[in-house]
């Protein structure tokens, strides 16, 4: 029997929130934050649901709109 995914519940909550809010991620930020917290508790590979959150860090980083994405030559 395969091990239970410890963060699957949070992944399902994200899907429910997105559907209820017409896929506006900003409306579901608290649910995303809970998923990040769950994923941070487990080593990489323990939760398949965390595969899209691995390497993202504990806090979502929002790029500064005043900075260009690439350095100028």
PDB file of N, CA and C in Angstrom:
ATOM      1  N   UNK A   1       0.843  -1.186   0.000  1.00  0.00           N
ATOM      2  CA  UNK A   1       0.000   0.000   0.000  1.00  0.00           C
ATOM      3  C   UNK A   1       0.887   1.248   0.000  1.00  0.00           C
ATOM      4  N   UNK A   2       0.591   2.188  -0.844  1.00  0.00           N
ATOM      5  CA  UNK A   2       1.370   3.419  -0.944  1.00  0.00           C
ATOM      6  C   UNK A   2       1.104   4.311   0.268  1.00  0.00           C
ATOM      7  N   UNK A   3       2.133   5.079   0.630  1.00  0.00           N
ATOM      8  CA  UNK A   3       1.990   6.004   1.760  1.00  0.00           C
ATOM      9  C   UNK A   3       1.024   7.128   1.387  1.00  0.00           C
ATOM     10  N   UNK A   4       0.296   7.602   2.383  1.00  0.00           N
ATOM     11  CA  UNK A   4      -0.651   8.693   2.164  1.00  0.00           C
ATOM     12  C   UNK A   4       0.117   9.991   1.931  1.00  0.00           C
ATOM     13  N   UNK A   5      -0.310  10.763   0.959  1.00  0.00           N
ATOM     14  CA  UNK A   5       0.308  12.057   0.648  1.00  0.00           C
ATOM     15  C   UNK A   5      -0.101  13.051   1.737  1.00  0.00           C
ATOM     16  N   UNK A   6       0.851  13.538   2.539  1.00  0.00           N
ATOM     17  CA  UNK A   6       0.493  14.390   3.674  1.00  0.00           C
ATOM     18  C   UNK A   6      -0.061  15.768   3.302  1.00  0.00           C
ATOM     19  N   UNK A   7       0.161  16.214   2.074  1.00  0.00           N
ATOM     20  CA  UNK A   7      -0.307  17.555   1.684  1.00  0.00           C
ATOM     21  C   UNK A   7      -1.423  17.521   0.646  1.00  0.00           C
ATOM     22  N   UNK A   8      -1.925  16.329   0.344  1.00  0.00           N
ATOM     23  CA  UNK A   8      -2.974  16.211  -0.670  1.00  0.00           C
ATOM     24  C   UNK A   8      -4.222  17.002  -0.287  1.00  0.00           C
ATOM     25  N   UNK A   9      -4.564  16.993   1.000  1.00  0.00           N
ATOM     26  CA  UNK A   9      -5.740  17.733   1.467  1.00  0.00           C
ATOM     27  C   UNK A   9      -5.621  19.215   1.088  1.00  0.00           C
ATOM     28  N   UNK A  10      -4.432  19.775   1.259  1.00  0.00           N
ATOM     29  CA  UNK A  10      -4.220  21.188   0.932  1.00  0.00           C
ATOM     30  C   UNK A  10      -4.322  21.422  -0.579  1.00  0.00           C
ATOM     31  N   UNK A  11      -3.817  20.475  -1.363  1.00  0.00           N
ATOM     32  CA  UNK A  11      -3.907  20.593  -2.821  1.00  0.00           C
ATOM     33  C   UNK A  11      -5.374  20.592  -3.263  1.00  0.00           C
ATOM     34  N   UNK A  12      -6.183  19.760  -2.630  1.00  0.00           N
ATOM     35  CA  UNK A  12      -7.615  19.721  -2.952  1.00  0.00           C
ATOM     36  C   UNK A  12      -8.298  21.023  -2.550  1.00  0.00           C
ATOM     37  N   UNK A  13      -7.891  21.582  -1.417  1.00  0.00           N
ATOM     38  CA  UNK A  13      -8.454  22.863  -0.974  1.00  0.00           C
ATOM     39  C   UNK A  13      -8.112  23.977  -1.962  1.00  0.00           C
ATOM     40  N   UNK A  14      -6.914  23.934  -2.528  1.00  0.00           N
ATOM     41  CA  UNK A  14      -6.524  24.924  -3.542  1.00  0.00           C
ATOM     42  C   UNK A  14      -7.456  24.816  -4.743  1.00  0.00           C
ATOM     43  N   UNK A  15      -7.691  23.599  -5.210  1.00  0.00           N
ATOM     44  CA  UNK A  15      -8.563  23.414  -6.373  1.00  0.00           C
ATOM     45  C   UNK A  15      -9.980  23.909  -6.088  1.00  0.00           C
ATOM     46  N   UNK A  16     -10.497  23.591  -4.904  1.00  0.00           N
ATOM     47  CA  UNK A  16     -11.848  24.051  -4.548  1.00  0.00           C
ATOM     48  C   UNK A  16     -11.914  25.573  -4.499  1.00  0.00           C
ATOM     49  N   UNK A  17     -10.901  26.188  -3.903  1.00  0.00           N
ATOM     50  CA  UNK A  17     -10.878  27.647  -3.783  1.00  0.00           C
ATOM     51  C   UNK A  17     -10.794  28.301  -5.160  1.00  0.00           C
ATOM     52  N   UNK A  18      -9.915  27.786  -6.008  1.00  0.00           N
ATOM     53  CA  UNK A  18      -9.774  28.363  -7.349  1.00  0.00           C
ATOM     54  C   UNK A  18     -11.076  28.248  -8.139  1.00  0.00           C
ATOM     55  N   UNK A  19     -11.722  27.094  -8.070  1.00  0.00           N
ATOM     56  CA  UNK A  19     -12.988  26.916  -8.783  1.00  0.00           C
ATOM     57  C   UNK A  19     -14.049  27.878  -8.259  1.00  0.00           C
ATOM     58  N   UNK A  20     -14.109  28.034  -6.947  1.00  0.00           N
ATOM     59  CA  UNK A  20     -15.115  28.905  -6.337  1.00  0.00           C
ATOM     60  C   UNK A  20     -14.868  30.381  -6.641  1.00  0.00           C
ATOM     61  N   UNK A  21     -13.620  30.720  -6.942  1.00  0.00           N
ATOM     62  CA  UNK A  21     -13.254  32.123  -7.168  1.00  0.00           C
ATOM     63  C   UNK A  21     -12.841  32.399  -8.611  1.00  0.00           C
ATOM     64  N   UNK A  22     -13.363  31.607  -9.537  1.00  0.00           N
ATOM     65  CA  UNK A  22     -13.118  31.805 -10.972  1.00  0.00           C
ATOM     66  C   UNK A  22     -11.629  31.878 -11.298  1.00  0.00           C
ATOM     67  N   UNK A  23     -10.844  31.036 -10.615  1.00  0.00           N
ATOM     68  CA  UNK A  23      -9.405  30.884 -10.857  1.00  0.00           C
ATOM     69  C   UNK A  23      -8.600  32.163 -10.634  1.00  0.00           C
ATOM     70  N   UNK A  24      -9.076  33.018  -9.725  1.00  0.00           N
ATOM     71  CA  UNK A  24      -8.318  34.203  -9.329  1.00  0.00           C
ATOM     72  C   UNK A  24      -7.423  33.798  -8.154  1.00  0.00           C
ATOM     73  N   UNK A  25      -6.137  33.598  -8.446  1.00  0.00           N
ATOM     74  CA  UNK A  25      -5.209  33.130  -7.423  1.00  0.00           C
ATOM     75  C   UNK A  25      -5.154  34.059  -6.217  1.00  0.00           C
ATOM     76  N   UNK A  26      -5.321  35.352  -6.437  1.00  0.00           N
ATOM     77  CA  UNK A  26      -5.239  36.310  -5.336  1.00  0.00           C
ATOM     78  C   UNK A  26      -6.308  36.056  -4.273  1.00  0.00           C
ATOM     79  N   UNK A  27      -7.422  35.473  -4.664  1.00  0.00           N
ATOM     80  CA  UNK A  27      -8.509  35.179  -3.721  1.00  0.00           C
ATOM     81  C   UNK A  27      -8.194  33.956  -2.855  1.00  0.00           C
ATOM     82  N   UNK A  28      -7.182  33.198  -3.244  1.00  0.00           N
ATOM     83  CA  UNK A  28      -6.865  31.947  -2.555  1.00  0.00           C
ATOM     84  C   UNK A  28      -5.487  31.977  -1.898  1.00  0.00           C
ATOM     85  N   UNK A  29      -4.948  33.144  -1.677  1.00  0.00           N
ATOM     86  CA  UNK A  29      -3.586  33.245  -1.151  1.00  0.00           C
ATOM     87  C   UNK A  29      -3.428  32.527   0.192  1.00  0.00           C
ATOM     88  N   UNK A  30      -4.419  32.602   1.059  1.00  0.00           N
ATOM     89  CA  UNK A  30      -4.323  31.921   2.359  1.00  0.00           C
ATOM     90  C   UNK A  30      -4.225  30.404   2.181  1.00  0.00           C
ATOM     91  N   UNK A  31      -4.950  29.868   1.208  1.00  0.00           N
ATOM     92  CA  UNK A  31      -4.922  28.430   0.946  1.00  0.00           C
ATOM     93  C   UNK A  31      -3.561  28.035   0.369  1.00  0.00           C
ATOM     94  N   UNK A  32      -3.015  28.861  -0.523  1.00  0.00           N
ATOM     95  CA  UNK A  32      -1.675  28.613  -1.057  1.00  0.00           C
ATOM     96  C   UNK A  32      -0.641  28.646   0.073  1.00  0.00           C
ATOM     97  N   UNK A  33      -0.792  29.572   0.995  1.00  0.00           N
ATOM     98  CA  UNK A  33       0.149  29.703   2.111  1.00  0.00           C
ATOM     99  C   UNK A  33       0.123  28.449   2.990  1.00  0.00           C
ATOM    100  N   UNK A  34      -1.059  27.892   3.211  1.00  0.00           N
ATOM    101  CA  UNK A  34      -1.163  26.651   3.980  1.00  0.00           C
ATOM    102  C   UNK A  34      -0.460  25.505   3.250  1.00  0.00           C
ATOM    103  N   UNK A  35      -0.595  25.463   1.935  1.00  0.00           N
ATOM    104  CA  UNK A  35       0.078  24.429   1.151  1.00  0.00           C
ATOM    105  C   UNK A  35       1.591  24.586   1.265  1.00  0.00           C
ATOM    106  N   UNK A  36       2.071  25.812   1.177  1.00  0.00           N
ATOM    107  CA  UNK A  36       3.515  26.056   1.310  1.00  0.00           C
ATOM    108  C   UNK A  36       4.019  25.599   2.679  1.00  0.00           C
ATOM    109  N   UNK A  37       3.242  25.886   3.720  1.00  0.00           N
ATOM    110  CA  UNK A  37       3.638  25.466   5.073  1.00  0.00           C
ATOM    111  C   UNK A  37       3.702  23.946   5.166  1.00  0.00           C
ATOM    112  N   UNK A  38       2.715  23.284   4.587  1.00  0.00           N
ATOM    113  CA  UNK A  38       2.699  21.824   4.604  1.00  0.00           C
ATOM    114  C   UNK A  38       3.917  21.276   3.863  1.00  0.00           C
ATOM    115  N   UNK A  39       4.182  21.793   2.694  1.00  0.00           N
ATOM    116  CA  UNK A  39       5.306  21.306   1.887  1.00  0.00           C
ATOM    117  C   UNK A  39       6.645  21.562   2.572  1.00  0.00           C
ATOM    118  N   UNK A  40       6.744  22.654   3.313  1.00  0.00           N
ATOM    119  CA  UNK A  40       7.992  22.980   4.008  1.00  0.00           C
ATOM    120  C   UNK A  40       8.271  21.998   5.151  1.00  0.00           C
ATOM    121  N   UNK A  41       7.248  21.315   5.632  1.00  0.00           N
ATOM    122  CA  UNK A  41       7.412  20.364   6.740  1.00  0.00           C
ATOM    123  C   UNK A  41       7.996  19.029   6.296  1.00  0.00           C
ATOM    124  N   UNK A  42       7.948  18.727   5.004  1.00  0.00           N
ATOM    125  CA  UNK A  42       8.357  17.410   4.528  1.00  0.00           C
ATOM    126  C   UNK A  42       9.498  17.520   3.525  1.00  0.00           C
ATOM    127  N   UNK A  43      10.411  16.540   3.537  1.00  0.00           N
ATOM    128  CA  UNK A  43      11.496  16.543   2.546  1.00  0.00           C
ATOM    129  C   UNK A  43      10.945  16.365   1.130  1.00  0.00           C
ATOM    130  N   UNK A  44      11.700  16.847   0.179  1.00  0.00           N
ATOM    131  CA  UNK A  44      11.310  16.725  -1.229  1.00  0.00           C
ATOM    132  C   UNK A  44      11.036  15.257  -1.560  1.00  0.00           C
ATOM    133  N   UNK A  45       9.950  15.025  -2.257  1.00  0.00           N
ATOM    134  CA  UNK A  45       9.602  13.677  -2.681  1.00  0.00           C
ATOM    135  C   UNK A  45       8.606  12.966  -1.774  1.00  0.00           C
ATOM    136  N   UNK A  46       8.389  13.473  -0.567  1.00  0.00           N
ATOM    137  CA  UNK A  46       7.446  12.828   0.353  1.00  0.00           C
ATOM    138  C   UNK A  46       6.012  13.062  -0.105  1.00  0.00           C
ATOM    139  N   UNK A  47       5.725  14.273  -0.563  1.00  0.00           N
ATOM    140  CA  UNK A  47       4.377  14.618  -1.009  1.00  0.00           C
ATOM    141  C   UNK A  47       4.390  14.925  -2.504  1.00  0.00           C
ATOM    142  N   UNK A  48       3.740  14.091  -3.277  1.00  0.00           N
ATOM    143  CA  UNK A  48       3.638  14.333  -4.713  1.00  0.00           C
ATOM    144  C   UNK A  48       2.916  15.647  -4.979  1.00  0.00           C
ATOM    145  N   UNK A  49       1.975  15.992  -4.120  1.00  0.00           N
ATOM    146  CA  UNK A  49       1.217  17.240  -4.278  1.00  0.00           C
ATOM    147  C   UNK A  49       2.110  18.470  -4.187  1.00  0.00           C
ATOM    148  N   UNK A  50       3.257  18.342  -3.554  1.00  0.00           N
ATOM    149  CA  UNK A  50       4.163  19.484  -3.369  1.00  0.00           C
ATOM    150  C   UNK A  50       5.106  19.698  -4.549  1.00  0.00           C
ATOM    151  N   UNK A  51       5.062  18.846  -5.554  1.00  0.00           N
ATOM    152  CA  UNK A  51       6.033  18.949  -6.644  1.00  0.00           C
ATOM    153  C   UNK A  51       6.038  20.323  -7.303  1.00  0.00           C
ATOM    154  N   UNK A  52       4.918  20.996  -7.383  1.00  0.00           N
ATOM    155  CA  UNK A  52       4.867  22.333  -7.970  1.00  0.00           C
ATOM    156  C   UNK A  52       5.266  23.432  -7.010  1.00  0.00           C
ATOM    157  N   UNK A  53       5.418  23.087  -5.738  1.00  0.00           N
ATOM    158  CA  UNK A  53       5.772  24.073  -4.727  1.00  0.00           C
ATOM    159  C   UNK A  53       7.222  23.944  -4.283  1.00  0.00           C
ATOM    160  N   UNK A  54       7.882  22.847  -4.618  1.00  0.00           N
ATOM    161  CA  UNK A  54       9.270  22.648  -4.217  1.00  0.00           C
ATOM    162  C   UNK A  54      10.148  23.688  -4.875  1.00  0.00           C
ATOM    163  N   UNK A  55      11.056  24.244  -4.125  1.00  0.00           N
ATOM    164  CA  UNK A  55      11.975  25.243  -4.656  1.00  0.00           C
ATOM    165  C   UNK A  55      11.382  26.630  -4.720  1.00  0.00           C
ATOM    166  N   UNK A  56      10.107  26.749  -4.385  1.00  0.00           N
ATOM    167  CA  UNK A  56       9.462  28.056  -4.423  1.00  0.00           C
ATOM    168  C   UNK A  56       9.854  28.883  -3.208  1.00  0.00           C
ATOM    169  N   UNK A  57      10.294  28.232  -2.158  1.00  0.00           N
ATOM    170  CA  UNK A  57      10.631  28.940  -0.933  1.00  0.00           C
ATOM    171  C   UNK A  57       9.414  29.022  -0.040  1.00  0.00           C
ATOM    172  N   UNK A  58       9.620  29.494   1.173  1.00  0.00           N
ATOM    173  CA  UNK A  58       8.511  29.565   2.122  1.00  0.00           C
ATOM    174  C   UNK A  58       7.529  30.660   1.772  1.00  0.00           C
ATOM    175  N   UNK A  59       8.001  31.710   1.166  1.00  0.00           N
ATOM    176  CA  UNK A  59       7.131  32.820   0.783  1.00  0.00           C
ATOM    177  C   UNK A  59       7.189  32.997  -0.726  1.00  0.00           C
ATOM    178  N   UNK A  60       6.074  33.253  -1.319  1.00  0.00           N
ATOM    179  CA  UNK A  60       6.027  33.505  -2.757  1.00  0.00           C
ATOM    180  C   UNK A  60       6.716  34.830  -3.035  1.00  0.00           C
ATOM    181  N   UNK A  61       7.621  34.822  -3.981  1.00  0.00           N
ATOM    182  CA  UNK A  61       8.343  36.034  -4.318  1.00  0.00           C
ATOM    183  C   UNK A  61       7.663  36.704  -5.501  1.00  0.00           C
ATOM    184  N   UNK A  62       7.352  37.974  -5.338  1.00  0.00           N
ATOM    185  CA  UNK A  62       6.714  38.746  -6.392  1.00  0.00           C
ATOM    186  C   UNK A  62       7.769  39.665  -6.981  1.00  0.00           C
ATOM    187  N   UNK A  63       8.016  39.576  -8.297  1.00  0.00           N
ATOM    188  CA  UNK A  63       9.034  40.431  -8.898  1.00  0.00           C
ATOM    189  C   UNK A  63       8.642  41.899  -8.827  1.00  0.00           C
ATOM    190  N   UNK A  64       9.640  42.744  -8.662  1.00  0.00           N
ATOM    191  CA  UNK A  64       9.429  44.187  -8.628  1.00  0.00           C
ATOM    192  C   UNK A  64       9.156  44.647 -10.052  1.00  0.00           C
ATOM    193  N   UNK A  65       8.029  45.305 -10.271  1.00  0.00           N
ATOM    194  CA  UNK A  65       7.643  45.725 -11.620  1.00  0.00           C
ATOM    195  C   UNK A  65       8.556  46.810 -12.173  1.00  0.00           C
ATOM    196  N   UNK A  66       9.349  47.443 -11.307  1.00  0.00           N
ATOM    197  CA  UNK A  66      10.265  48.486 -11.769  1.00  0.00           C
ATOM    198  C   UNK A  66      11.586  47.922 -12.265  1.00  0.00           C
ATOM    199  N   UNK A  67      11.827  46.644 -12.027  1.00  0.00           N
ATOM    200  CA  UNK A  67      13.070  46.031 -12.461  1.00  0.00           C
ATOM    201  C   UNK A  67      12.846  45.277 -13.761  1.00  0.00           C
ATOM    202  N   UNK A  68      13.827  45.347 -14.645  1.00  0.00           N
ATOM    203  CA  UNK A  68      13.729  44.578 -15.883  1.00  0.00           C
ATOM    204  C   UNK A  68      14.109  43.136 -15.567  1.00  0.00           C
ATOM    205  N   UNK A  69      13.533  42.159 -16.278  1.00  0.00           N
ATOM    206  CA  UNK A  69      13.792  40.760 -15.971  1.00  0.00           C
ATOM    207  C   UNK A  69      15.227  40.334 -16.254  1.00  0.00           C
ATOM    208  N   UNK A  70      15.884  40.960 -17.200  1.00  0.00           N
ATOM    209  CA  UNK A  70      17.259  40.614 -17.544  1.00  0.00           C
ATOM    210  C   UNK A  70      18.147  41.838 -17.381  1.00  0.00           C
ATOM    211  N   UNK A  71      19.376  41.632 -16.936  1.00  0.00           N
ATOM    212  CA  UNK A  71      20.274  42.781 -16.827  1.00  0.00           C
ATOM    213  C   UNK A  71      20.595  43.347 -18.203  1.00  0.00           C
ATOM    214  N   UNK A  72      20.754  44.647 -18.249  1.00  0.00           N
ATOM    215  CA  UNK A  72      21.077  45.297 -19.518  1.00  0.00           C
ATOM    216  C   UNK A  72      22.559  45.116 -19.817  1.00  0.00           C
ATOM    217  N   UNK A  73      22.903  44.861 -21.087  1.00  0.00           N
ATOM    218  CA  UNK A  73      24.317  44.638 -21.453  1.00  0.00           C
ATOM    219  C   UNK A  73      25.156  45.885 -21.318  1.00  0.00           C
TER     220      UNK A  73
END
